[in-house]
Amino acid sequence: MEQDRLDRLEKLWKLDPSDPVVGLGLGSGLLEAGQPARARDVLEAVLRQKPGYAAAWELLGNALENLGERDEAIRIYQKGIEVSRSGGFLAPEKQMTRRLKRLLRDQPGSRKGDFL
């Protein structure tokens, strides 16, 4: 994401941190810009306001993976999958299920087939 667009999203977020769409865009842009810690903070704020926002759960899990917080990413993906299923959001559910399976597969001591 170009820096100018990221700066505009930051300004919008500061003006209205209750707008989940702006927060999601900012969180995504921060991830793309290699700022997963800031993305985590923004996405957590989005989910405090709108816990049913499936795409935010997915991006938060991604941010946590980028920060090396594997166990927390697993927990977030599990919660996000639950939210996605209850809301009928198939695309985020599919993405988070794929990521969760990969994390569980790569877990030390895991055996093939010990996924979900």
N, C-alpha and C. Protein backbone atom coordinates (compact mmCIF):
# COMPACT_ATOMS: atom_id res chain seq x y z
N MET A 1 0.86 -1.17 0.00
CA MET A 1 0.00 0.00 0.00
C MET A 1 0.90 1.23 0.00
N GLU A 2 0.55 2.17 -0.82
CA GLU A 2 1.36 3.39 -0.88
C GLU A 2 1.21 4.18 0.41
N GLN A 3 2.28 4.86 0.79
CA GLN A 3 2.32 5.58 2.06
C GLN A 3 1.25 6.66 2.15
N ASP A 4 0.97 7.32 1.03
CA ASP A 4 -0.04 8.38 1.03
C ASP A 4 -1.41 7.85 1.45
N ARG A 5 -1.77 6.71 0.91
CA ARG A 5 -3.06 6.10 1.25
C ARG A 5 -3.08 5.66 2.72
N LEU A 6 -1.98 5.11 3.17
CA LEU A 6 -1.88 4.70 4.56
C LEU A 6 -2.00 5.91 5.49
N ASP A 7 -1.37 7.00 5.12
CA ASP A 7 -1.47 8.23 5.92
C ASP A 7 -2.91 8.73 5.98
N ARG A 8 -3.62 8.67 4.85
CA ARG A 8 -5.02 9.10 4.84
C ARG A 8 -5.88 8.22 5.75
N LEU A 9 -5.64 6.91 5.71
CA LEU A 9 -6.40 6.00 6.57
C LEU A 9 -6.09 6.27 8.05
N GLU A 10 -4.84 6.55 8.35
CA GLU A 10 -4.46 6.89 9.74
C GLU A 10 -5.23 8.13 10.20
N LYS A 11 -5.30 9.14 9.34
CA LYS A 11 -6.02 10.37 9.69
C LYS A 11 -7.50 10.10 9.90
N LEU A 12 -8.10 9.32 9.01
CA LEU A 12 -9.52 8.97 9.16
C LEU A 12 -9.77 8.19 10.44
N TRP A 13 -8.87 7.28 10.76
CA TRP A 13 -9.02 6.47 11.96
C TRP A 13 -8.93 7.36 13.21
N LYS A 14 -8.03 8.32 13.19
CA LYS A 14 -7.91 9.24 14.32
C LYS A 14 -9.16 10.10 14.47
N LEU A 15 -9.76 10.47 13.34
CA LEU A 15 -10.99 11.26 13.38
C LEU A 15 -12.17 10.45 13.89
N ASP A 16 -12.23 9.18 13.50
CA ASP A 16 -13.37 8.34 13.89
C ASP A 16 -12.92 6.90 14.13
N PRO A 17 -12.36 6.63 15.31
CA PRO A 17 -11.89 5.27 15.59
C PRO A 17 -13.02 4.27 15.82
N SER A 18 -14.25 4.71 15.63
CA SER A 18 -15.38 3.78 15.75
C SER A 18 -15.83 3.25 14.39
N ASP A 19 -15.15 3.64 13.32
CA ASP A 19 -15.53 3.19 11.98
C ASP A 19 -14.78 1.89 11.66
N PRO A 20 -15.48 0.75 11.70
CA PRO A 20 -14.79 -0.52 11.48
C PRO A 20 -14.25 -0.70 10.07
N VAL A 21 -14.87 -0.07 9.09
CA VAL A 21 -14.39 -0.21 7.71
C VAL A 21 -13.04 0.49 7.56
N VAL A 22 -12.92 1.68 8.12
CA VAL A 22 -11.64 2.39 8.10
C VAL A 22 -10.60 1.60 8.88
N GLY A 23 -11.01 1.08 10.04
CA GLY A 23 -10.08 0.29 10.84
C GLY A 23 -9.58 -0.94 10.12
N LEU A 24 -10.48 -1.62 9.42
CA LEU A 24 -10.07 -2.80 8.65
C LEU A 24 -9.10 -2.41 7.54
N GLY A 25 -9.40 -1.32 6.84
CA GLY A 25 -8.51 -0.86 5.77
C GLY A 25 -7.15 -0.47 6.31
N LEU A 26 -7.14 0.21 7.46
CA LEU A 26 -5.88 0.61 8.08
C LEU A 26 -5.11 -0.61 8.55
N GLY A 27 -5.79 -1.54 9.19
CA GLY A 27 -5.11 -2.75 9.65
C GLY A 27 -4.49 -3.53 8.50
N SER A 28 -5.23 -3.64 7.41
CA SER A 28 -4.71 -4.32 6.22
C SER A 28 -3.50 -3.59 5.65
N GLY A 29 -3.61 -2.27 5.56
CA GLY A 29 -2.50 -1.47 5.03
C GLY A 29 -1.26 -1.56 5.91
N LEU A 30 -1.46 -1.56 7.21
CA LEU A 30 -0.32 -1.68 8.12
C LEU A 30 0.36 -3.04 7.98
N LEU A 31 -0.44 -4.08 7.79
CA LEU A 31 0.16 -5.40 7.54
C LEU A 31 1.00 -5.39 6.27
N GLU A 32 0.44 -4.82 5.21
CA GLU A 32 1.17 -4.73 3.95
C GLU A 32 2.45 -3.92 4.09
N ALA A 33 2.42 -2.92 4.97
CA ALA A 33 3.57 -2.05 5.17
C ALA A 33 4.58 -2.63 6.17
N GLY A 34 4.32 -3.85 6.63
CA GLY A 34 5.25 -4.49 7.55
C GLY A 34 5.18 -3.97 8.97
N GLN A 35 3.99 -3.54 9.38
CA GLN A 35 3.78 -3.02 10.74
C GLN A 35 2.73 -3.86 11.48
N PRO A 36 3.04 -5.13 11.73
CA PRO A 36 2.03 -6.01 12.31
C PRO A 36 1.62 -5.63 13.74
N ALA A 37 2.50 -5.03 14.52
CA ALA A 37 2.13 -4.66 15.89
C ALA A 37 1.07 -3.56 15.88
N ARG A 38 1.26 -2.57 15.04
CA ARG A 38 0.26 -1.49 14.92
C ARG A 38 -1.03 -2.04 14.32
N ALA A 39 -0.91 -2.94 13.34
CA ALA A 39 -2.10 -3.57 12.76
C ALA A 39 -2.88 -4.32 13.83
N ARG A 40 -2.17 -5.06 14.68
CA ARG A 40 -2.84 -5.79 15.77
C ARG A 40 -3.64 -4.84 16.64
N ASP A 41 -3.03 -3.72 17.02
CA ASP A 41 -3.72 -2.76 17.89
C ASP A 41 -5.00 -2.23 17.24
N VAL A 42 -4.91 -1.87 15.97
CA VAL A 42 -6.08 -1.34 15.26
C VAL A 42 -7.16 -2.40 15.12
N LEU A 43 -6.76 -3.61 14.75
CA LEU A 43 -7.74 -4.68 14.53
C LEU A 43 -8.39 -5.13 15.84
N GLU A 44 -7.65 -5.11 16.92
CA GLU A 44 -8.26 -5.41 18.22
C GLU A 44 -9.30 -4.36 18.58
N ALA A 45 -9.01 -3.10 18.26
CA ALA A 45 -9.98 -2.02 18.51
C ALA A 45 -11.23 -2.22 17.66
N VAL A 46 -11.05 -2.61 16.41
CA VAL A 46 -12.19 -2.88 15.53
C VAL A 46 -13.06 -3.98 16.12
N LEU A 47 -12.43 -5.05 16.59
CA LEU A 47 -13.19 -6.19 17.11
C LEU A 47 -13.85 -5.90 18.45
N ARG A 48 -13.31 -4.99 19.22
CA ARG A 48 -14.00 -4.58 20.46
C ARG A 48 -15.33 -3.90 20.12
N GLN A 49 -15.35 -3.18 19.00
CA GLN A 49 -16.56 -2.47 18.58
C GLN A 49 -17.51 -3.35 17.77
N LYS A 50 -16.93 -4.23 16.97
CA LYS A 50 -17.75 -5.04 16.07
C LYS A 50 -17.22 -6.49 16.08
N PRO A 51 -17.54 -7.25 17.12
CA PRO A 51 -16.99 -8.60 17.26
C PRO A 51 -17.43 -9.58 16.18
N GLY A 52 -18.44 -9.24 15.41
CA GLY A 52 -18.89 -10.12 14.34
C GLY A 52 -18.24 -9.85 13.00
N TYR A 53 -17.21 -9.01 12.97
CA TYR A 53 -16.54 -8.62 11.72
C TYR A 53 -15.51 -9.70 11.36
N ALA A 54 -15.94 -10.69 10.60
CA ALA A 54 -15.13 -11.87 10.29
C ALA A 54 -13.79 -11.51 9.63
N ALA A 55 -13.79 -10.56 8.73
CA ALA A 55 -12.55 -10.19 8.04
C ALA A 55 -11.52 -9.63 9.02
N ALA A 56 -11.97 -8.96 10.06
CA ALA A 56 -11.05 -8.42 11.06
C ALA A 56 -10.39 -9.54 11.86
N TRP A 57 -11.14 -10.60 12.15
CA TRP A 57 -10.56 -11.76 12.84
C TRP A 57 -9.44 -12.37 11.99
N GLU A 58 -9.71 -12.48 10.70
CA GLU A 58 -8.71 -13.06 9.79
C GLU A 58 -7.43 -12.23 9.76
N LEU A 59 -7.58 -10.91 9.61
CA LEU A 59 -6.41 -10.04 9.57
C LEU A 59 -5.67 -10.01 10.91
N LEU A 60 -6.41 -10.06 12.00
CA LEU A 60 -5.77 -10.09 13.32
C LEU A 60 -4.93 -11.35 13.47
N GLY A 61 -5.46 -12.48 13.05
CA GLY A 61 -4.68 -13.72 13.09
C GLY A 61 -3.41 -13.61 12.27
N ASN A 62 -3.53 -12.99 11.11
CA ASN A 62 -2.37 -12.78 10.24
C ASN A 62 -1.33 -11.90 10.93
N ALA A 63 -1.79 -10.82 11.56
CA ALA A 63 -0.86 -9.92 12.27
C ALA A 63 -0.13 -10.69 13.38
N LEU A 64 -0.87 -11.50 14.12
CA LEU A 64 -0.26 -12.27 15.20
C LEU A 64 0.76 -13.28 14.67
N GLU A 65 0.44 -13.90 13.55
CA GLU A 65 1.42 -14.80 12.92
C GLU A 65 2.70 -14.04 12.58
N ASN A 66 2.54 -12.85 12.00
CA ASN A 66 3.70 -12.04 11.63
C ASN A 66 4.52 -11.62 12.84
N LEU A 67 3.88 -11.52 13.99
CA LEU A 67 4.57 -11.15 15.23
C LEU A 67 5.17 -12.37 15.94
N GLY A 68 4.93 -13.56 15.38
CA GLY A 68 5.45 -14.78 15.99
C GLY A 68 4.61 -15.26 17.16
N GLU A 69 3.41 -14.73 17.31
CA GLU A 69 2.52 -15.12 18.40
C GLU A 69 1.60 -16.25 17.93
N ARG A 70 2.21 -17.40 17.71
CA ARG A 70 1.53 -18.54 17.10
C ARG A 70 0.32 -19.03 17.89
N ASP A 71 0.48 -19.21 19.19
CA ASP A 71 -0.63 -19.73 20.00
C ASP A 71 -1.81 -18.76 20.01
N GLU A 72 -1.51 -17.48 20.08
CA GLU A 72 -2.59 -16.48 20.06
C GLU A 72 -3.24 -16.44 18.68
N ALA A 73 -2.45 -16.60 17.62
CA ALA A 73 -3.02 -16.65 16.27
C ALA A 73 -3.98 -17.83 16.14
N ILE A 74 -3.60 -18.97 16.69
CA ILE A 74 -4.47 -20.15 16.66
C ILE A 74 -5.79 -19.84 17.36
N ARG A 75 -5.72 -19.24 18.54
CA ARG A 75 -6.93 -18.90 19.28
C ARG A 75 -7.81 -17.93 18.49
N ILE A 76 -7.19 -16.94 17.87
CA ILE A 76 -7.94 -15.94 17.09
C ILE A 76 -8.58 -16.59 15.87
N TYR A 77 -7.85 -17.44 15.17
CA TYR A 77 -8.44 -18.13 14.01
C TYR A 77 -9.61 -19.01 14.44
N GLN A 78 -9.48 -19.70 15.55
CA GLN A 78 -10.58 -20.54 16.02
C GLN A 78 -11.82 -19.70 16.31
N LYS A 79 -11.63 -18.58 16.98
CA LYS A 79 -12.74 -17.67 17.27
C LYS A 79 -13.30 -17.09 15.97
N GLY A 80 -12.42 -16.69 15.07
CA GLY A 80 -12.85 -16.13 13.80
C GLY A 80 -13.64 -17.11 12.95
N ILE A 81 -13.26 -18.37 12.98
CA ILE A 81 -13.99 -19.40 12.25
C ILE A 81 -15.39 -19.54 12.83
N GLU A 82 -15.47 -19.53 14.15
CA GLU A 82 -16.78 -19.60 14.83
C GLU A 82 -17.66 -18.42 14.43
N VAL A 83 -17.09 -17.23 14.44
CA VAL A 83 -17.83 -16.02 14.06
C VAL A 83 -18.27 -16.10 12.60
N SER A 84 -17.37 -16.54 11.74
CA SER A 84 -17.67 -16.66 10.31
C SER A 84 -18.81 -17.63 10.05
N ARG A 85 -18.75 -18.77 10.72
CA ARG A 85 -19.80 -19.78 10.54
C ARG A 85 -21.15 -19.26 11.01
N SER A 86 -21.16 -18.59 12.15
CA SER A 86 -22.44 -18.10 12.69
C SER A 86 -23.01 -16.98 11.83
N GLY A 87 -22.15 -16.25 11.12
CA GLY A 87 -22.62 -15.16 10.26
C GLY A 87 -22.76 -15.54 8.80
N GLY A 88 -22.35 -16.75 8.44
CA GLY A 88 -22.44 -17.19 7.06
C GLY A 88 -21.38 -16.58 6.15
N PHE A 89 -20.22 -16.22 6.71
CA PHE A 89 -19.15 -15.61 5.93
C PHE A 89 -18.18 -16.70 5.47
N LEU A 90 -18.41 -17.20 4.27
CA LEU A 90 -17.67 -18.38 3.80
C LEU A 90 -16.21 -18.11 3.47
N ALA A 91 -15.92 -17.00 2.81
CA ALA A 91 -14.54 -16.73 2.39
C ALA A 91 -13.60 -16.58 3.59
N PRO A 92 -13.93 -15.74 4.58
CA PRO A 92 -13.02 -15.66 5.74
C PRO A 92 -12.90 -16.99 6.48
N GLU A 93 -14.01 -17.73 6.57
CA GLU A 93 -13.96 -19.03 7.24
C GLU A 93 -12.97 -19.96 6.53
N LYS A 94 -13.04 -19.99 5.22
CA LYS A 94 -12.15 -20.86 4.44
C LYS A 94 -10.69 -20.46 4.63
N GLN A 95 -10.41 -19.15 4.56
CA GLN A 95 -9.04 -18.67 4.71
C GLN A 95 -8.50 -18.98 6.11
N MET A 96 -9.31 -18.71 7.14
CA MET A 96 -8.85 -18.95 8.50
C MET A 96 -8.69 -20.44 8.78
N THR A 97 -9.56 -21.26 8.22
CA THR A 97 -9.42 -22.71 8.40
C THR A 97 -8.12 -23.19 7.77
N ARG A 98 -7.80 -22.69 6.59
CA ARG A 98 -6.55 -23.06 5.92
C ARG A 98 -5.34 -22.65 6.76
N ARG A 99 -5.37 -21.43 7.26
CA ARG A 99 -4.24 -20.93 8.07
C ARG A 99 -4.13 -21.71 9.38
N LEU A 100 -5.27 -21.98 10.00
CA LEU A 100 -5.27 -22.73 11.26
C LEU A 100 -4.70 -24.12 11.05
N LYS A 101 -5.12 -24.80 10.01
CA LYS A 101 -4.59 -26.14 9.74
C LYS A 101 -3.08 -26.12 9.55
N ARG A 102 -2.60 -25.09 8.84
CA ARG A 102 -1.16 -24.98 8.63
C ARG A 102 -0.43 -24.78 9.95
N LEU A 103 -0.95 -23.90 10.79
CA LEU A 103 -0.31 -23.66 12.09
C LEU A 103 -0.31 -24.92 12.96
N LEU A 104 -1.42 -25.63 12.96
CA LEU A 104 -1.50 -26.85 13.75
C LEU A 104 -0.61 -27.95 13.18
N ARG A 105 -0.53 -28.02 11.88
CA ARG A 105 0.33 -29.03 11.23
C ARG A 105 1.79 -28.77 11.55
N ASP A 106 2.17 -27.50 11.60
CA ASP A 106 3.56 -27.14 11.84
C ASP A 106 3.92 -27.08 13.32
N GLN A 107 2.96 -27.38 14.18
CA GLN A 107 3.17 -27.35 15.62
C GLN A 107 4.12 -28.47 16.01
N PRO A 108 5.12 -28.17 16.85
CA PRO A 108 6.02 -29.24 17.30
C PRO A 108 5.24 -30.36 17.98
N GLY A 109 5.54 -31.60 17.61
CA GLY A 109 4.88 -32.75 18.21
C GLY A 109 3.56 -33.13 17.57
N SER A 110 3.12 -32.37 16.55
CA SER A 110 1.85 -32.72 15.92
C SER A 110 2.05 -33.88 14.95
N ARG A 111 0.99 -34.63 14.76
CA ARG A 111 1.01 -35.72 13.80
C ARG A 111 0.07 -35.39 12.67
N LYS A 112 0.37 -35.89 11.51
CA LYS A 112 -0.50 -35.67 10.36
C LYS A 112 -1.91 -36.15 10.69
N GLY A 113 -2.90 -35.29 10.45
CA GLY A 113 -4.27 -35.65 10.72
C GLY A 113 -4.80 -35.10 12.04
N ASP A 114 -3.93 -34.50 12.86
CA ASP A 114 -4.35 -33.95 14.16
C ASP A 114 -4.78 -32.51 14.03
N PHE A 115 -5.57 -32.17 13.03
CA PHE A 115 -5.89 -30.77 12.78
C PHE A 115 -7.07 -30.28 13.57
N LEU A 116 -8.23 -30.46 13.05
CA LEU A 116 -9.43 -29.88 13.65
C LEU A 116 -10.24 -30.96 14.21
